N, C-alpha and C. Protein backbone atom coordinates (compact mmCIF):
# COMPACT_ATOMS: atom_id res chain seq x y z
N UNK A 1 174.53 -109.43 167.56
CA UNK A 1 175.94 -109.30 167.86
C UNK A 1 176.22 -109.74 169.32
N UNK A 2 176.53 -108.80 170.19
CA UNK A 2 176.71 -109.13 171.61
C UNK A 2 176.11 -108.00 172.42
N UNK A 3 176.05 -108.23 173.72
CA UNK A 3 175.51 -107.18 174.60
C UNK A 3 176.44 -105.94 174.58
N UNK A 4 177.76 -106.18 174.46
CA UNK A 4 178.71 -105.11 174.46
C UNK A 4 178.65 -104.29 173.16
N UNK A 5 178.42 -104.98 172.01
CA UNK A 5 178.38 -104.32 170.71
C UNK A 5 177.04 -104.64 170.05
N UNK A 6 176.01 -103.86 170.36
CA UNK A 6 174.69 -104.14 169.75
C UNK A 6 174.70 -103.88 168.26
N UNK A 7 173.71 -104.48 167.55
CA UNK A 7 173.60 -104.33 166.10
C UNK A 7 173.32 -102.87 165.76
N UNK A 8 172.43 -102.19 166.44
CA UNK A 8 172.05 -100.81 166.13
C UNK A 8 173.16 -99.85 166.51
N UNK A 9 173.58 -99.02 165.56
CA UNK A 9 174.68 -98.12 165.82
C UNK A 9 174.30 -97.03 166.78
N UNK A 10 173.07 -96.49 166.71
CA UNK A 10 172.63 -95.50 167.66
C UNK A 10 172.59 -96.10 169.08
N UNK A 11 172.15 -97.35 169.17
CA UNK A 11 172.11 -98.02 170.45
C UNK A 11 173.53 -98.20 171.00
N UNK A 12 174.48 -98.51 170.12
CA UNK A 12 175.88 -98.66 170.55
C UNK A 12 176.39 -97.35 171.13
N UNK A 13 176.08 -96.25 170.47
CA UNK A 13 176.53 -94.92 170.95
C UNK A 13 175.90 -94.65 172.33
N UNK A 14 174.60 -94.93 172.47
CA UNK A 14 173.96 -94.71 173.76
C UNK A 14 174.54 -95.59 174.85
N UNK A 15 174.92 -96.79 174.52
CA UNK A 15 175.55 -97.68 175.53
C UNK A 15 176.91 -97.11 175.97
N UNK A 16 177.61 -96.42 175.06
CA UNK A 16 178.90 -95.88 175.37
C UNK A 16 178.81 -94.60 176.21
N UNK A 17 177.91 -93.72 175.80
CA UNK A 17 177.83 -92.39 176.47
C UNK A 17 176.44 -92.02 176.88
N UNK A 18 175.58 -93.01 177.10
CA UNK A 18 174.15 -92.76 177.21
C UNK A 18 173.60 -92.18 178.51
N UNK A 19 174.36 -91.43 179.24
CA UNK A 19 173.69 -90.74 180.37
C UNK A 19 174.34 -89.37 180.57
N UNK A 20 173.67 -88.59 181.34
CA UNK A 20 174.01 -87.23 181.59
C UNK A 20 175.48 -87.04 182.00
N UNK A 21 175.90 -87.79 182.97
CA UNK A 21 177.24 -87.60 183.52
C UNK A 21 178.34 -87.98 182.57
N UNK A 22 178.18 -89.07 181.81
CA UNK A 22 179.20 -89.47 180.88
C UNK A 22 179.40 -88.38 179.80
N UNK A 23 178.31 -87.87 179.29
CA UNK A 23 178.36 -86.83 178.25
C UNK A 23 179.06 -85.58 178.85
N UNK A 24 178.70 -85.20 180.05
CA UNK A 24 179.29 -84.00 180.66
C UNK A 24 180.77 -84.18 180.96
N UNK A 25 181.14 -85.38 181.39
CA UNK A 25 182.57 -85.67 181.63
C UNK A 25 183.35 -85.58 180.35
N UNK A 26 182.85 -86.22 179.29
CA UNK A 26 183.54 -86.14 177.98
C UNK A 26 183.62 -84.73 177.51
N UNK A 27 182.53 -83.98 177.61
CA UNK A 27 182.54 -82.59 177.16
C UNK A 27 183.56 -81.77 177.94
N UNK A 28 183.65 -82.05 179.24
CA UNK A 28 184.59 -81.34 180.09
C UNK A 28 186.03 -81.64 179.75
N UNK A 29 186.31 -82.84 179.30
CA UNK A 29 187.67 -83.26 178.96
C UNK A 29 188.07 -82.83 177.55
N UNK A 30 187.15 -82.32 176.76
CA UNK A 30 187.48 -81.93 175.39
C UNK A 30 188.59 -80.88 175.36
N UNK A 31 188.67 -80.03 176.38
CA UNK A 31 189.70 -78.99 176.38
C UNK A 31 191.00 -79.43 177.07
N UNK A 32 191.14 -80.70 177.36
CA UNK A 32 192.43 -81.20 177.89
C UNK A 32 192.27 -82.00 179.18
N UNK A 33 193.44 -82.46 179.63
CA UNK A 33 193.57 -83.27 180.80
C UNK A 33 193.10 -82.57 182.04
N UNK A 34 192.39 -83.31 182.92
CA UNK A 34 191.89 -82.75 184.17
C UNK A 34 192.14 -83.74 185.31
N UNK A 35 192.26 -83.20 186.47
CA UNK A 35 192.35 -84.01 187.68
C UNK A 35 190.93 -84.25 188.20
N UNK A 36 190.79 -85.27 189.08
CA UNK A 36 189.50 -85.66 189.64
C UNK A 36 188.81 -84.44 190.28
N UNK A 37 189.53 -83.68 191.11
CA UNK A 37 188.95 -82.56 191.80
C UNK A 37 188.45 -81.46 190.85
N UNK A 38 189.16 -81.24 189.76
CA UNK A 38 188.75 -80.28 188.75
C UNK A 38 187.45 -80.72 188.13
N UNK A 39 187.36 -82.00 187.72
CA UNK A 39 186.14 -82.50 187.13
C UNK A 39 184.99 -82.38 188.09
N UNK A 40 185.19 -82.80 189.35
CA UNK A 40 184.12 -82.72 190.32
C UNK A 40 183.63 -81.30 190.48
N UNK A 41 184.50 -80.35 190.58
CA UNK A 41 184.16 -78.95 190.75
C UNK A 41 183.38 -78.42 189.53
N UNK A 42 183.87 -78.75 188.32
CA UNK A 42 183.22 -78.24 187.12
C UNK A 42 181.90 -78.89 186.84
N UNK A 43 181.70 -80.13 187.31
CA UNK A 43 180.45 -80.83 187.08
C UNK A 43 179.36 -80.49 188.08
N UNK A 44 179.74 -79.83 189.16
CA UNK A 44 178.73 -79.35 190.11
C UNK A 44 178.21 -80.40 191.05
N UNK A 45 176.94 -80.80 190.87
CA UNK A 45 176.26 -81.61 191.87
C UNK A 45 176.50 -83.13 191.74
N UNK A 46 177.53 -83.55 191.01
CA UNK A 46 177.84 -84.98 190.92
C UNK A 46 178.51 -85.43 192.24
N UNK A 47 178.17 -86.61 192.68
CA UNK A 47 178.81 -87.13 193.89
C UNK A 47 180.12 -87.75 193.53
N UNK A 48 181.01 -87.90 194.51
CA UNK A 48 182.28 -88.51 194.29
C UNK A 48 182.13 -89.94 193.79
N UNK A 49 181.21 -90.69 194.37
CA UNK A 49 180.94 -92.08 193.99
C UNK A 49 180.49 -92.18 192.52
N UNK A 50 179.58 -91.30 192.10
CA UNK A 50 179.07 -91.33 190.73
C UNK A 50 180.16 -90.95 189.75
N UNK A 51 180.94 -89.93 190.08
CA UNK A 51 182.04 -89.50 189.22
C UNK A 51 183.06 -90.63 189.06
N UNK A 52 183.44 -91.24 190.16
CA UNK A 52 184.38 -92.36 190.12
C UNK A 52 183.88 -93.49 189.25
N UNK A 53 182.64 -93.86 189.46
CA UNK A 53 182.01 -94.95 188.70
C UNK A 53 182.01 -94.65 187.19
N UNK A 54 181.61 -93.43 186.81
CA UNK A 54 181.54 -93.05 185.42
C UNK A 54 182.94 -92.97 184.78
N UNK A 55 183.91 -92.46 185.51
CA UNK A 55 185.27 -92.40 185.02
C UNK A 55 185.78 -93.81 184.75
N UNK A 56 185.50 -94.73 185.64
CA UNK A 56 185.92 -96.11 185.46
C UNK A 56 185.30 -96.74 184.19
N UNK A 57 183.99 -96.52 184.03
CA UNK A 57 183.29 -97.07 182.86
C UNK A 57 183.83 -96.50 181.58
N UNK A 58 184.09 -95.16 181.57
CA UNK A 58 184.63 -94.55 180.35
C UNK A 58 186.03 -95.04 180.06
N UNK A 59 186.80 -95.33 181.10
CA UNK A 59 188.14 -95.90 180.95
C UNK A 59 188.04 -97.31 180.35
N UNK A 60 187.12 -98.11 180.89
CA UNK A 60 186.92 -99.47 180.42
C UNK A 60 186.54 -99.51 178.94
N UNK A 61 185.76 -98.53 178.51
CA UNK A 61 185.25 -98.49 177.13
C UNK A 61 186.25 -97.80 176.19
N UNK A 62 187.40 -97.36 176.69
CA UNK A 62 188.42 -96.81 175.85
C UNK A 62 188.22 -95.32 175.48
N UNK A 63 187.33 -94.66 176.20
CA UNK A 63 186.99 -93.25 175.93
C UNK A 63 188.01 -92.31 176.57
N UNK A 64 188.55 -92.71 177.73
CA UNK A 64 189.56 -91.90 178.40
C UNK A 64 190.60 -92.77 179.00
N UNK A 65 191.72 -92.14 179.35
CA UNK A 65 192.79 -92.84 180.05
C UNK A 65 193.02 -92.19 181.40
N UNK A 66 193.40 -92.98 182.35
CA UNK A 66 193.66 -92.53 183.72
C UNK A 66 195.13 -92.73 183.95
N UNK A 67 195.83 -91.67 184.35
CA UNK A 67 197.24 -91.77 184.64
C UNK A 67 197.47 -91.42 186.10
N UNK A 68 198.09 -92.38 186.83
CA UNK A 68 198.35 -92.21 188.24
C UNK A 68 199.85 -91.91 188.40
N UNK A 69 200.14 -90.83 189.13
CA UNK A 69 201.51 -90.46 189.40
C UNK A 69 201.89 -90.92 190.78
N UNK A 70 203.08 -91.51 190.89
CA UNK A 70 203.58 -92.03 192.15
C UNK A 70 204.15 -90.90 193.00
N UNK A 71 203.28 -90.21 193.66
CA UNK A 71 203.70 -89.10 194.55
C UNK A 71 202.78 -89.01 195.70
N UNK A 72 203.13 -88.24 196.68
CA UNK A 72 202.25 -88.06 197.86
C UNK A 72 201.97 -86.57 197.97
N UNK A 73 200.70 -86.16 198.02
CA UNK A 73 199.52 -87.05 197.84
C UNK A 73 199.43 -87.55 196.39
N UNK A 74 198.71 -88.66 196.24
CA UNK A 74 198.61 -89.24 194.88
C UNK A 74 197.97 -88.24 193.92
N UNK A 75 198.42 -88.28 192.67
CA UNK A 75 197.85 -87.40 191.68
C UNK A 75 197.36 -88.31 190.52
N UNK A 76 196.09 -88.07 190.11
CA UNK A 76 195.54 -88.85 189.03
C UNK A 76 194.97 -87.86 187.97
N UNK A 77 195.38 -88.08 186.73
CA UNK A 77 194.92 -87.26 185.60
C UNK A 77 194.03 -88.09 184.70
N UNK A 78 193.05 -87.43 184.09
CA UNK A 78 192.15 -88.05 183.15
C UNK A 78 192.25 -87.32 181.82
N UNK A 79 192.44 -88.07 180.73
CA UNK A 79 192.56 -87.50 179.40
C UNK A 79 191.73 -88.34 178.43
N UNK A 80 191.08 -87.68 177.51
CA UNK A 80 190.38 -88.44 176.49
C UNK A 80 191.33 -89.16 175.55
N UNK A 81 190.96 -90.31 175.09
CA UNK A 81 191.73 -91.00 174.06
C UNK A 81 191.31 -90.42 172.70
N UNK A 82 191.95 -90.89 171.65
CA UNK A 82 191.53 -90.45 170.31
C UNK A 82 190.06 -90.78 170.09
N UNK A 83 189.65 -91.97 170.53
CA UNK A 83 188.25 -92.36 170.41
C UNK A 83 187.35 -91.39 171.13
N UNK A 84 187.78 -90.93 172.31
CA UNK A 84 187.02 -89.96 173.09
C UNK A 84 186.92 -88.63 172.34
N UNK A 85 188.04 -88.16 171.79
CA UNK A 85 188.01 -86.90 171.04
C UNK A 85 187.11 -87.01 169.78
N UNK A 86 187.00 -88.20 169.29
CA UNK A 86 186.14 -88.38 168.08
C UNK A 86 184.68 -88.19 168.38
N UNK A 87 184.34 -88.13 169.68
CA UNK A 87 182.92 -87.85 170.05
C UNK A 87 182.59 -86.39 169.99
N UNK A 88 183.54 -85.50 169.74
CA UNK A 88 183.28 -84.04 169.68
C UNK A 88 182.16 -83.68 168.73
N UNK A 89 182.16 -84.16 167.49
CA UNK A 89 181.04 -83.81 166.61
C UNK A 89 179.70 -84.28 167.11
N UNK A 90 179.70 -85.43 167.78
CA UNK A 90 178.45 -85.96 168.34
C UNK A 90 177.92 -85.04 169.41
N UNK A 91 178.79 -84.65 170.31
CA UNK A 91 178.39 -83.74 171.41
C UNK A 91 178.06 -82.35 170.88
N UNK A 92 178.87 -81.86 169.94
CA UNK A 92 178.53 -80.57 169.29
C UNK A 92 177.15 -80.57 168.65
N UNK A 93 176.81 -81.70 168.00
CA UNK A 93 175.49 -81.82 167.36
C UNK A 93 174.39 -81.83 168.42
N UNK A 94 174.64 -82.49 169.52
CA UNK A 94 173.63 -82.52 170.61
C UNK A 94 173.43 -81.10 171.15
N UNK A 95 174.50 -80.34 171.31
CA UNK A 95 174.38 -78.98 171.82
C UNK A 95 173.63 -78.11 170.81
N UNK A 96 173.95 -78.22 169.51
CA UNK A 96 173.26 -77.45 168.47
C UNK A 96 171.79 -77.80 168.44
N UNK A 97 171.46 -79.08 168.56
CA UNK A 97 170.05 -79.48 168.56
C UNK A 97 169.32 -78.88 169.76
N UNK A 98 169.96 -78.94 170.93
CA UNK A 98 169.38 -78.43 172.16
C UNK A 98 169.15 -76.94 172.09
N UNK A 99 170.07 -76.20 171.50
CA UNK A 99 169.90 -74.76 171.37
C UNK A 99 168.73 -74.43 170.46
N UNK A 100 168.58 -75.16 169.34
CA UNK A 100 167.48 -74.94 168.43
C UNK A 100 166.15 -75.32 169.10
N UNK A 101 166.15 -76.43 169.83
CA UNK A 101 164.94 -76.86 170.52
C UNK A 101 164.52 -75.81 171.56
N UNK A 102 165.49 -75.32 172.30
CA UNK A 102 165.20 -74.29 173.35
C UNK A 102 164.64 -73.03 172.70
N UNK A 103 165.20 -72.60 171.56
CA UNK A 103 164.67 -71.43 170.87
C UNK A 103 163.23 -71.65 170.40
N UNK A 104 163.00 -72.80 169.83
CA UNK A 104 161.64 -73.11 169.34
C UNK A 104 160.66 -73.19 170.50
N UNK A 105 161.03 -73.81 171.61
CA UNK A 105 160.12 -73.90 172.74
C UNK A 105 159.85 -72.54 173.36
N UNK A 106 160.89 -71.69 173.39
CA UNK A 106 160.73 -70.34 173.92
C UNK A 106 159.69 -69.56 173.09
N UNK A 107 159.75 -69.73 171.77
CA UNK A 107 158.78 -69.08 170.89
C UNK A 107 157.35 -69.59 171.18
N UNK A 108 157.24 -70.88 171.28
CA UNK A 108 155.93 -71.49 171.56
C UNK A 108 155.39 -71.01 172.89
N UNK A 109 156.24 -70.99 173.90
CA UNK A 109 155.81 -70.63 175.26
C UNK A 109 155.84 -69.13 175.49
N UNK A 110 156.33 -68.39 174.48
CA UNK A 110 156.43 -66.95 174.53
C UNK A 110 157.24 -66.47 175.72
N UNK A 111 158.39 -67.05 175.89
CA UNK A 111 159.31 -66.65 176.96
C UNK A 111 160.63 -66.23 176.33
N UNK A 112 161.33 -65.38 177.07
CA UNK A 112 162.65 -64.91 176.61
C UNK A 112 163.70 -65.83 177.22
N UNK A 113 164.70 -66.17 176.44
CA UNK A 113 165.78 -67.03 176.93
C UNK A 113 167.10 -66.28 176.83
N UNK A 114 168.02 -66.63 177.70
CA UNK A 114 169.37 -66.09 177.68
C UNK A 114 170.24 -66.98 176.82
N UNK A 115 170.99 -66.42 175.92
CA UNK A 115 171.95 -67.22 175.16
C UNK A 115 173.08 -67.66 176.05
N UNK A 116 173.52 -68.91 175.85
CA UNK A 116 174.65 -69.42 176.68
C UNK A 116 175.96 -69.27 175.98
């Protein structure tokens, strides 16, 4: 196909959301529109540069929209598109898999885990 749309569907998904920050940004926006500062605060140790870069990439790929308000100070909101919201089952499945994996590893390692 092309570099932008690979033949493998799993590979296509990974190209769209294939790193920690993109997944966390999408997950964070599932409950509605957020401003840059809110996202930065909720994501913790992400740098401003990395957050900006990932937001731009997700916007380019049609996962979220950026709305700039003409006011002082400038206000910018980020909202998932329908395509972005359609990633909810994918992210929910990742979370469910991770919970099961963590439980299994805790049994193997004989450690107690806190439910999140």
